[in-house]
N, C-alpha and C. Protein backbone atom coordinates (compact mmCIF):
# COMPACT_ATOMS: atom_id res chain seq x y z
N MET A 1 18.32 25.20 10.42
CA MET A 1 18.70 24.22 9.08
C MET A 1 17.64 23.86 8.84
N GLU A 2 17.05 23.50 7.47
CA GLU A 2 16.08 23.86 6.65
C GLU A 2 15.76 22.47 6.94
N ASP A 3 14.60 21.98 7.23
CA ASP A 3 13.75 20.66 7.42
C ASP A 3 13.77 20.15 5.56
N LYS A 4 14.34 18.58 5.65
CA LYS A 4 14.43 17.82 4.42
C LYS A 4 12.78 17.42 4.07
N GLU A 5 12.30 17.77 2.86
CA GLU A 5 11.13 17.41 2.47
C GLU A 5 10.90 15.69 2.43
N ASN A 6 9.78 15.49 3.22
CA ASN A 6 9.39 13.85 2.90
C ASN A 6 9.51 13.58 1.60
N LEU A 7 10.06 12.02 1.41
CA LEU A 7 9.87 11.33 0.15
C LEU A 7 8.46 11.20 -0.49
N LYS A 8 7.86 11.94 -1.43
CA LYS A 8 6.40 11.35 -2.08
C LYS A 8 6.52 9.86 -2.22
N VAL A 9 5.58 9.16 -1.60
CA VAL A 9 5.96 7.34 -1.82
C VAL A 9 4.35 6.88 -2.28
N LEU A 10 4.10 6.41 -3.39
CA LEU A 10 2.63 6.22 -3.51
C LEU A 10 2.81 4.51 -3.72
N PHE A 11 1.96 4.02 -3.30
CA PHE A 11 1.75 2.59 -3.03
C PHE A 11 0.64 2.32 -4.35
N LEU A 12 1.24 1.21 -5.19
CA LEU A 12 0.05 1.06 -6.51
C LEU A 12 -0.64 -0.62 -6.69
N CYS A 13 -1.56 -0.57 -6.55
CA CYS A 13 -1.93 -2.04 -6.58
C CYS A 13 -2.85 -2.17 -7.56
N THR A 14 -3.60 -3.26 -8.03
CA THR A 14 -4.28 -2.91 -8.66
C THR A 14 -5.91 -2.34 -8.74
N GLY A 15 -6.42 -2.60 -7.46
CA GLY A 15 -7.67 -2.02 -7.39
C GLY A 15 -7.87 -1.14 -5.99
N ASN A 16 -6.51 -1.02 -5.69
CA ASN A 16 -6.16 -0.16 -4.09
C ASN A 16 -7.51 -0.09 -3.42
N SER A 17 -7.68 -1.47 -2.83
CA SER A 17 -8.47 -2.27 -1.75
C SER A 17 -7.84 -2.70 -0.68
N CYS A 18 -6.76 -3.52 -0.52
CA CYS A 18 -6.31 -3.98 0.52
C CYS A 18 -4.65 -3.80 0.61
N ARG A 19 -4.08 -4.38 -0.04
CA ARG A 19 -2.67 -4.25 -0.10
C ARG A 19 -2.05 -3.01 0.08
N SER A 20 -2.55 -2.14 -1.20
CA SER A 20 -1.69 -0.47 -1.24
C SER A 20 -2.24 0.39 0.13
N GLN A 21 -3.67 0.00 0.48
CA GLN A 21 -4.03 0.63 1.17
C GLN A 21 -3.43 0.41 3.08
N MET A 22 -3.18 -0.97 3.06
CA MET A 22 -2.14 -1.70 4.34
C MET A 22 -0.66 -0.68 3.91
N ALA A 23 -0.24 -0.58 2.92
CA ALA A 23 1.15 -0.09 3.03
C ALA A 23 1.03 1.58 3.44
N GLU A 24 0.01 2.07 2.82
CA GLU A 24 -0.11 3.60 3.16
C GLU A 24 -0.56 3.95 4.48
N GLY A 25 -1.26 2.73 5.20
CA GLY A 25 -1.75 2.90 6.57
C GLY A 25 -0.48 3.05 7.47
N TRP A 26 0.54 2.03 6.74
CA TRP A 26 1.89 1.33 8.11
C TRP A 26 2.83 3.06 7.42
N ALA A 27 2.66 3.18 6.39
CA ALA A 27 4.01 4.61 6.51
C ALA A 27 3.28 5.64 6.86
N ARG A 28 1.80 5.64 6.90
CA ARG A 28 1.75 6.86 8.03
C ARG A 28 1.68 6.63 8.95
N ASN A 29 1.62 5.42 9.61
CA ASN A 29 1.89 4.89 11.17
C ASN A 29 3.39 4.79 11.54
N LEU A 30 3.93 4.39 10.89
CA LEU A 30 5.40 4.14 10.98
C LEU A 30 6.26 5.16 10.62
N LYS A 31 6.08 5.96 9.51
CA LYS A 31 7.11 6.50 8.91
C LYS A 31 6.98 7.88 8.52
N SER A 32 5.68 8.83 9.37
CA SER A 32 5.45 10.04 8.96
C SER A 32 6.90 11.45 9.07
N ASP A 33 7.50 10.58 9.80
CA ASP A 33 8.66 11.90 9.37
C ASP A 33 9.71 11.73 8.44
N CYS A 34 9.39 10.81 7.59
CA CYS A 34 10.31 10.76 6.74
C CYS A 34 9.49 10.24 5.07
N ILE A 35 8.34 9.92 5.08
CA ILE A 35 7.60 9.53 4.28
C ILE A 35 6.35 10.36 4.12
N GLU A 36 5.46 10.86 2.97
CA GLU A 36 4.60 11.26 2.89
C GLU A 36 4.02 10.35 1.81
N PRO A 37 3.08 9.46 1.99
CA PRO A 37 2.46 7.94 1.99
C PRO A 37 0.86 8.61 0.93
N TYR A 38 0.78 7.79 -0.27
CA TYR A 38 -0.36 7.69 -0.79
C TYR A 38 -0.58 6.30 -1.43
N SER A 39 -1.94 5.99 -1.59
CA SER A 39 -2.14 4.84 -2.16
C SER A 39 -2.98 5.04 -3.40
N ALA A 40 -2.72 4.36 -4.47
CA ALA A 40 -3.96 4.38 -5.82
C ALA A 40 -4.21 2.88 -6.48
N GLY A 41 -4.58 2.85 -7.18
CA GLY A 41 -5.00 1.47 -7.96
C GLY A 41 -5.38 1.90 -9.10
N ILE A 42 -4.63 0.89 -10.37
CA ILE A 42 -5.14 1.42 -11.61
C ILE A 42 -6.18 0.93 -12.07
N GLU A 43 -7.68 0.28 -11.24
CA GLU A 43 -8.39 0.03 -11.11
C GLU A 43 -8.66 0.74 -9.87
N THR A 44 -10.58 0.83 -9.17
CA THR A 44 -10.53 1.03 -8.17
C THR A 44 -12.03 0.02 -7.83
N HIS A 45 -11.42 -1.03 -6.67
CA HIS A 45 -12.64 -1.58 -6.04
C HIS A 45 -13.08 -1.88 -4.80
N GLY A 46 -12.86 -0.31 -4.44
CA GLY A 46 -13.47 -0.06 -2.89
C GLY A 46 -12.29 -0.28 -1.87
N LEU A 47 -12.96 -0.03 -0.50
CA LEU A 47 -11.98 -0.46 0.26
C LEU A 47 -12.56 -1.44 1.07
N ASN A 48 -11.23 -2.66 0.99
CA ASN A 48 -11.65 -4.00 1.53
C ASN A 48 -12.24 -4.04 3.11
N PRO A 49 -13.33 -4.22 3.62
CA PRO A 49 -13.55 -4.19 5.08
C PRO A 49 -12.65 -5.39 5.68
N ASN A 50 -11.98 -6.44 5.23
CA ASN A 50 -11.12 -7.41 6.13
C ASN A 50 -9.64 -6.49 6.24
N ALA A 51 -9.68 -5.85 5.61
CA ALA A 51 -8.00 -5.10 5.47
C ALA A 51 -8.08 -4.44 6.50
N VAL A 52 -9.53 -3.33 6.70
CA VAL A 52 -9.93 -2.42 7.56
C VAL A 52 -9.90 -3.18 8.58
N LYS A 53 -10.28 -4.18 9.39
CA LYS A 53 -10.56 -5.04 10.21
C LYS A 53 -9.03 -5.33 10.39
N VAL A 54 -8.41 -5.87 10.08
CA VAL A 54 -6.60 -6.45 10.48
C VAL A 54 -6.27 -5.47 10.47
N MET A 55 -5.85 -4.13 10.04
CA MET A 55 -4.99 -3.08 10.51
C MET A 55 -5.67 -2.26 11.46
N ALA A 56 -6.88 -2.47 11.95
CA ALA A 56 -7.07 -2.22 13.24
C ALA A 56 -6.87 -2.65 14.27
N GLU A 57 -6.52 -3.95 14.33
CA GLU A 57 -6.53 -4.97 15.33
C GLU A 57 -4.64 -4.71 15.40
N ALA A 58 -4.09 -4.26 14.35
CA ALA A 58 -2.69 -3.64 14.77
C ALA A 58 -2.70 -2.14 15.29
N GLY A 59 -3.98 -1.81 15.48
CA GLY A 59 -3.73 -0.60 15.92
C GLY A 59 -3.38 0.89 14.91
N VAL A 60 -3.93 0.24 13.90
CA VAL A 60 -4.06 1.01 12.46
C VAL A 60 -5.10 1.75 11.87
N ASP A 61 -5.59 2.75 11.87
CA ASP A 61 -7.07 3.15 11.46
C ASP A 61 -7.13 3.23 10.11
N ILE A 62 -7.87 2.78 9.10
CA ILE A 62 -7.20 3.00 7.68
C ILE A 62 -8.88 3.28 7.38
N SER A 63 -9.73 3.12 7.98
CA SER A 63 -11.27 3.14 7.59
C SER A 63 -11.71 4.69 6.88
N GLY A 64 -10.76 5.64 6.86
CA GLY A 64 -11.33 6.90 6.58
C GLY A 64 -10.60 7.04 4.99
N HIS A 65 -9.60 5.87 4.57
CA HIS A 65 -9.39 5.59 3.37
C HIS A 65 -10.61 5.18 2.20
N ARG A 66 -10.24 5.53 1.01
CA ARG A 66 -10.84 5.43 0.50
C ARG A 66 -10.44 4.90 -1.22
N SER A 67 -10.75 3.86 -1.91
CA SER A 67 -10.17 3.61 -3.33
C SER A 67 -9.94 4.46 -4.06
N LYS A 68 -8.67 4.67 -4.34
CA LYS A 68 -8.72 5.86 -5.66
C LYS A 68 -7.99 5.20 -6.67
N HIS A 69 -8.24 5.94 -7.81
CA HIS A 69 -7.51 5.43 -9.19
C HIS A 69 -6.34 6.35 -9.39
N LEU A 70 -5.20 6.15 -10.02
CA LEU A 70 -3.99 6.60 -10.02
C LEU A 70 -4.22 7.86 -10.37
N ASN A 71 -5.09 8.06 -12.03
CA ASN A 71 -5.84 9.70 -12.02
C ASN A 71 -6.04 10.44 -11.56
N GLU A 72 -6.14 9.91 -9.87
CA GLU A 72 -6.76 11.54 -9.15
C GLU A 72 -5.55 11.88 -8.54
N LEU A 73 -4.20 11.11 -8.72
CA LEU A 73 -3.18 11.40 -7.95
C LEU A 73 -1.89 12.02 -8.96
N ARG A 74 -2.68 12.07 -10.20
CA ARG A 74 -1.48 12.70 -11.52
C ARG A 74 -0.85 13.88 -11.40
N ASN A 75 -1.17 14.83 -10.79
CA ASN A 75 -1.23 15.82 -10.14
C ASN A 75 -0.25 15.96 -9.27
N ILE A 76 0.66 15.11 -8.78
CA ILE A 76 1.49 15.09 -7.37
C ILE A 76 2.66 14.53 -8.15
N GLU A 77 3.70 15.23 -8.23
CA GLU A 77 5.10 14.78 -8.35
C GLU A 77 5.89 13.75 -7.62
N PHE A 78 5.77 12.10 -7.68
CA PHE A 78 6.11 11.13 -6.41
C PHE A 78 7.80 10.66 -6.72
N ASP A 79 8.48 10.83 -5.66
CA ASP A 79 9.44 10.36 -5.32
C ASP A 79 9.84 8.85 -6.03
N TYR A 80 9.10 7.67 -5.21
CA TYR A 80 9.10 6.68 -5.68
C TYR A 80 7.49 6.10 -5.52
N VAL A 81 7.16 5.10 -6.67
CA VAL A 81 5.79 4.68 -6.95
C VAL A 81 6.67 3.02 -6.43
N VAL A 82 6.09 2.03 -5.73
CA VAL A 82 6.13 1.07 -5.18
C VAL A 82 4.82 0.35 -5.33
N THR A 83 5.27 -0.41 -6.45
CA THR A 83 3.87 -1.53 -7.27
C THR A 83 3.96 -2.73 -6.02
N VAL A 84 2.97 -2.57 -5.52
CA VAL A 84 2.55 -4.25 -4.62
C VAL A 84 2.01 -5.44 -4.95
N CYS A 85 1.78 -5.64 -6.08
CA CYS A 85 1.26 -6.40 -6.88
C CYS A 85 1.89 -6.68 -8.19
N GLY A 86 1.84 -8.10 -8.82
CA GLY A 86 2.33 -8.35 -10.04
C GLY A 86 1.61 -7.47 -10.94
N HIS A 87 0.39 -8.04 -10.77
CA HIS A 87 -0.63 -7.23 -12.02
C HIS A 87 0.04 -5.36 -12.24
N ALA A 88 -0.01 -4.88 -10.86
CA ALA A 88 0.12 -3.55 -10.98
C ALA A 88 1.61 -3.33 -11.62
N ASN A 89 2.28 -4.18 -11.52
CA ASN A 89 3.64 -3.90 -11.41
C ASN A 89 4.04 -4.15 -13.56
N GLU A 90 3.19 -5.03 -13.78
CA GLU A 90 3.33 -5.18 -15.12
C GLU A 90 2.62 -4.42 -15.89
N ASN A 91 1.65 -3.46 -15.27
CA ASN A 91 0.54 -2.79 -16.14
C ASN A 91 0.98 -1.11 -15.18
N CYS A 92 2.34 -1.40 -15.30
CA CYS A 92 2.56 0.41 -14.02
C CYS A 92 2.74 1.11 -15.31
N PRO A 93 2.16 2.76 -15.54
CA PRO A 93 2.40 3.65 -16.40
C PRO A 93 3.58 4.16 -16.01
N MET A 94 4.15 4.76 -17.08
CA MET A 94 5.25 5.55 -17.12
C MET A 94 5.02 7.20 -16.13
N PHE A 95 5.95 7.01 -15.17
CA PHE A 95 6.01 8.22 -14.39
C PHE A 95 7.03 9.61 -14.73
N PRO A 96 6.37 10.75 -14.78
CA PRO A 96 7.39 11.43 -15.58
C PRO A 96 8.44 11.70 -14.64
N GLY A 97 9.43 12.70 -14.97
CA GLY A 97 10.59 13.27 -14.13
C GLY A 97 11.41 12.11 -13.36
N LYS A 98 11.52 12.64 -12.24
CA LYS A 98 12.69 11.67 -11.12
C LYS A 98 11.82 10.60 -10.86
N THR A 99 10.79 10.33 -10.97
CA THR A 99 9.99 9.13 -10.39
C THR A 99 10.66 7.82 -10.44
N LYS A 100 10.80 7.26 -9.69
CA LYS A 100 11.29 5.68 -9.61
C LYS A 100 10.56 4.98 -9.38
N VAL A 101 10.31 3.96 -10.03
CA VAL A 101 9.32 2.41 -9.49
C VAL A 101 10.27 1.27 -9.28
N VAL A 102 9.70 1.14 -7.77
CA VAL A 102 10.05 -0.50 -7.52
C VAL A 102 8.93 -1.38 -7.02
N HIS A 103 9.23 -2.45 -7.78
CA HIS A 103 8.31 -3.39 -6.88
C HIS A 103 8.71 -4.21 -5.92
N ALA A 104 7.79 -4.38 -5.10
CA ALA A 104 7.94 -5.23 -3.88
C ALA A 104 6.33 -5.69 -3.63
N GLY A 105 6.35 -7.39 -4.30
CA GLY A 105 5.08 -8.10 -4.18
C GLY A 105 4.98 -8.55 -3.16
N PHE A 106 3.33 -8.49 -3.11
CA PHE A 106 2.91 -9.52 -1.71
C PHE A 106 1.56 -10.08 -2.17
N GLU A 107 1.48 -11.20 -1.65
CA GLU A 107 0.32 -11.80 -1.82
C GLU A 107 -1.09 -11.00 -2.07
N ASP A 108 -2.20 -11.41 -2.67
CA ASP A 108 -3.46 -11.16 -2.26
C ASP A 108 -4.22 -11.55 -1.23
N PRO A 109 -4.70 -10.91 0.18
CA PRO A 109 -5.16 -11.55 1.05
C PRO A 109 -6.79 -12.18 0.08
N PRO A 110 -7.47 -11.49 -0.41
CA PRO A 110 -8.68 -12.35 -0.61
C PRO A 110 -8.52 -13.19 -1.71
N LYS A 111 -7.42 -13.42 -2.43
CA LYS A 111 -7.21 -14.52 -3.01
C LYS A 111 -6.91 -15.83 -2.11
N LEU A 112 -5.70 -15.31 -1.27
CA LEU A 112 -5.14 -16.49 -0.36
C LEU A 112 -6.10 -16.64 0.51
N ALA A 113 -7.45 -15.86 1.13
CA ALA A 113 -8.76 -16.49 2.06
C ALA A 113 -10.17 -16.85 0.94
N GLU A 114 -9.73 -17.37 -0.23
CA GLU A 114 -10.83 -18.38 -0.94
C GLU A 114 -11.36 -19.54 -0.34
N ASP A 115 -10.23 -20.15 -0.32
CA ASP A 115 -10.62 -21.79 0.18
C ASP A 115 -10.60 -21.35 1.83
N ALA A 116 -10.63 -20.20 2.95
CA ALA A 116 -10.58 -20.36 4.05
C ALA A 116 -11.96 -21.01 4.57
N ALA A 117 -11.73 -22.16 5.93
CA ALA A 117 -13.71 -22.63 6.28
C ALA A 117 -13.82 -21.94 7.28
N THR A 118 -12.74 -20.96 7.40
CA THR A 118 -13.99 -20.12 8.54
C THR A 118 -13.66 -18.59 8.38
N VAL A 119 -14.55 -17.76 9.01
CA VAL A 119 -14.14 -16.15 9.40
C VAL A 119 -12.52 -16.06 9.57
N GLU A 120 -12.11 -17.20 10.54
CA GLU A 120 -10.67 -16.55 11.38
C GLU A 120 -9.83 -17.06 10.31
N GLU A 121 -10.07 -17.93 9.66
CA GLU A 121 -9.16 -18.57 8.81
C GLU A 121 -8.73 -17.62 7.78
N ALA A 122 -10.00 -17.07 7.30
CA ALA A 122 -9.49 -16.04 6.09
C ALA A 122 -9.29 -14.41 6.59
N LEU A 123 -9.28 -14.47 7.57
CA LEU A 123 -8.31 -13.34 8.39
C LEU A 123 -7.17 -13.67 8.73
N ASN A 124 -6.52 -14.87 8.78
CA ASN A 124 -5.30 -14.62 9.22
C ASN A 124 -4.41 -14.75 7.84
N CYS A 125 -5.44 -14.79 6.56
CA CYS A 125 -4.68 -14.35 5.33
C CYS A 125 -4.53 -13.09 5.31
N TYR A 126 -5.45 -12.32 5.51
CA TYR A 126 -4.84 -10.85 5.64
C TYR A 126 -4.17 -10.61 7.18
N ARG A 127 -4.22 -10.97 8.07
CA ARG A 127 -2.78 -10.46 9.19
C ARG A 127 -1.39 -11.20 8.56
N LYS A 128 -1.40 -12.08 8.05
CA LYS A 128 0.13 -12.97 7.12
C LYS A 128 0.44 -11.40 6.80
N VAL A 129 -0.27 -11.38 5.20
CA VAL A 129 0.05 -10.09 4.54
C VAL A 129 0.32 -8.63 4.73
N ARG A 130 -0.52 -8.24 5.94
CA ARG A 130 -0.37 -7.03 6.91
C ARG A 130 0.84 -6.97 7.31
N ASP A 131 1.12 -8.22 8.23
CA ASP A 131 2.87 -8.24 9.26
C ASP A 131 3.56 -8.01 7.85
N GLU A 132 3.64 -8.78 6.75
CA GLU A 132 4.31 -8.79 5.69
C GLU A 132 5.04 -7.11 5.31
N ILE A 133 3.43 -6.63 5.07
CA ILE A 133 3.69 -5.36 4.85
C ILE A 133 4.45 -4.29 5.56
N LYS A 134 4.25 -4.55 7.20
CA LYS A 134 4.49 -3.85 7.82
C LYS A 134 6.27 -4.04 7.74
N GLU A 135 6.54 -5.25 8.26
CA GLU A 135 8.03 -5.52 7.75
C GLU A 135 8.77 -4.66 6.82
N PHE A 136 8.12 -4.73 5.56
CA PHE A 136 8.90 -3.81 4.58
C PHE A 136 8.80 -2.46 4.56
N VAL A 137 7.46 -2.05 5.49
CA VAL A 137 7.45 -0.45 5.45
C VAL A 137 8.13 -0.07 6.37
N LEU A 138 8.67 -1.20 7.63
CA LEU A 138 9.93 -0.74 8.67
C LEU A 138 11.28 -0.16 8.13
N ARG A 139 11.47 -0.76 6.46
CA ARG A 139 12.97 -1.19 6.05
C ARG A 139 12.70 0.56 5.16
N LEU A 140 11.71 0.82 4.82
CA LEU A 140 11.69 2.15 4.10
C LEU A 140 12.41 3.45 4.74
N PRO A 141 12.90 4.46 4.57
CA PRO A 141 12.81 4.58 3.30
C PRO A 141 14.42 3.68 2.60
N GLN A 142 15.27 3.28 3.81
CA GLN A 142 16.55 2.96 2.71
C GLN A 142 16.18 1.65 1.82
N TYR A 143 15.09 0.89 1.81
CA TYR A 143 14.99 0.01 0.65
C TYR A 143 14.98 0.66 -0.36
N LEU A 144 14.26 1.69 -0.57
CA LEU A 144 14.22 2.45 -1.58
C LEU A 144 15.29 3.21 -2.63
N THR A 145 16.48 3.40 -1.67
CA THR A 145 17.40 3.94 -1.99
C THR A 145 18.80 3.30 -2.26
């Protein structure tokens, strides 16, 4: 029997620094049997060190990731593009062919952490979103189809 090709899924956010990176990391860690994950931004803001830290706490290493602009992946035909923030959803470019765009919005950890009194309180904002993204990824690919 021929192996079914994994779904190519792009997690897209504004700056590819936090939420989309977490989603790519979770998908690579939990769903590599059925998803070939990518992440990018409509801008690049660099990899958020707090995102790296809280993902490492959960056993997922994204320290080797880098912030990528969507244009770097333009030669890949994605099955799905998942926008993980409102701004990316509102500014999502058109994708050719079979690509389906799905929105799954998550709060912005840096924004949530702005008023945190301590480093630990700030990290808890990242942990909350990390865990929400994990729950979303666990429902893939069924959630998409």
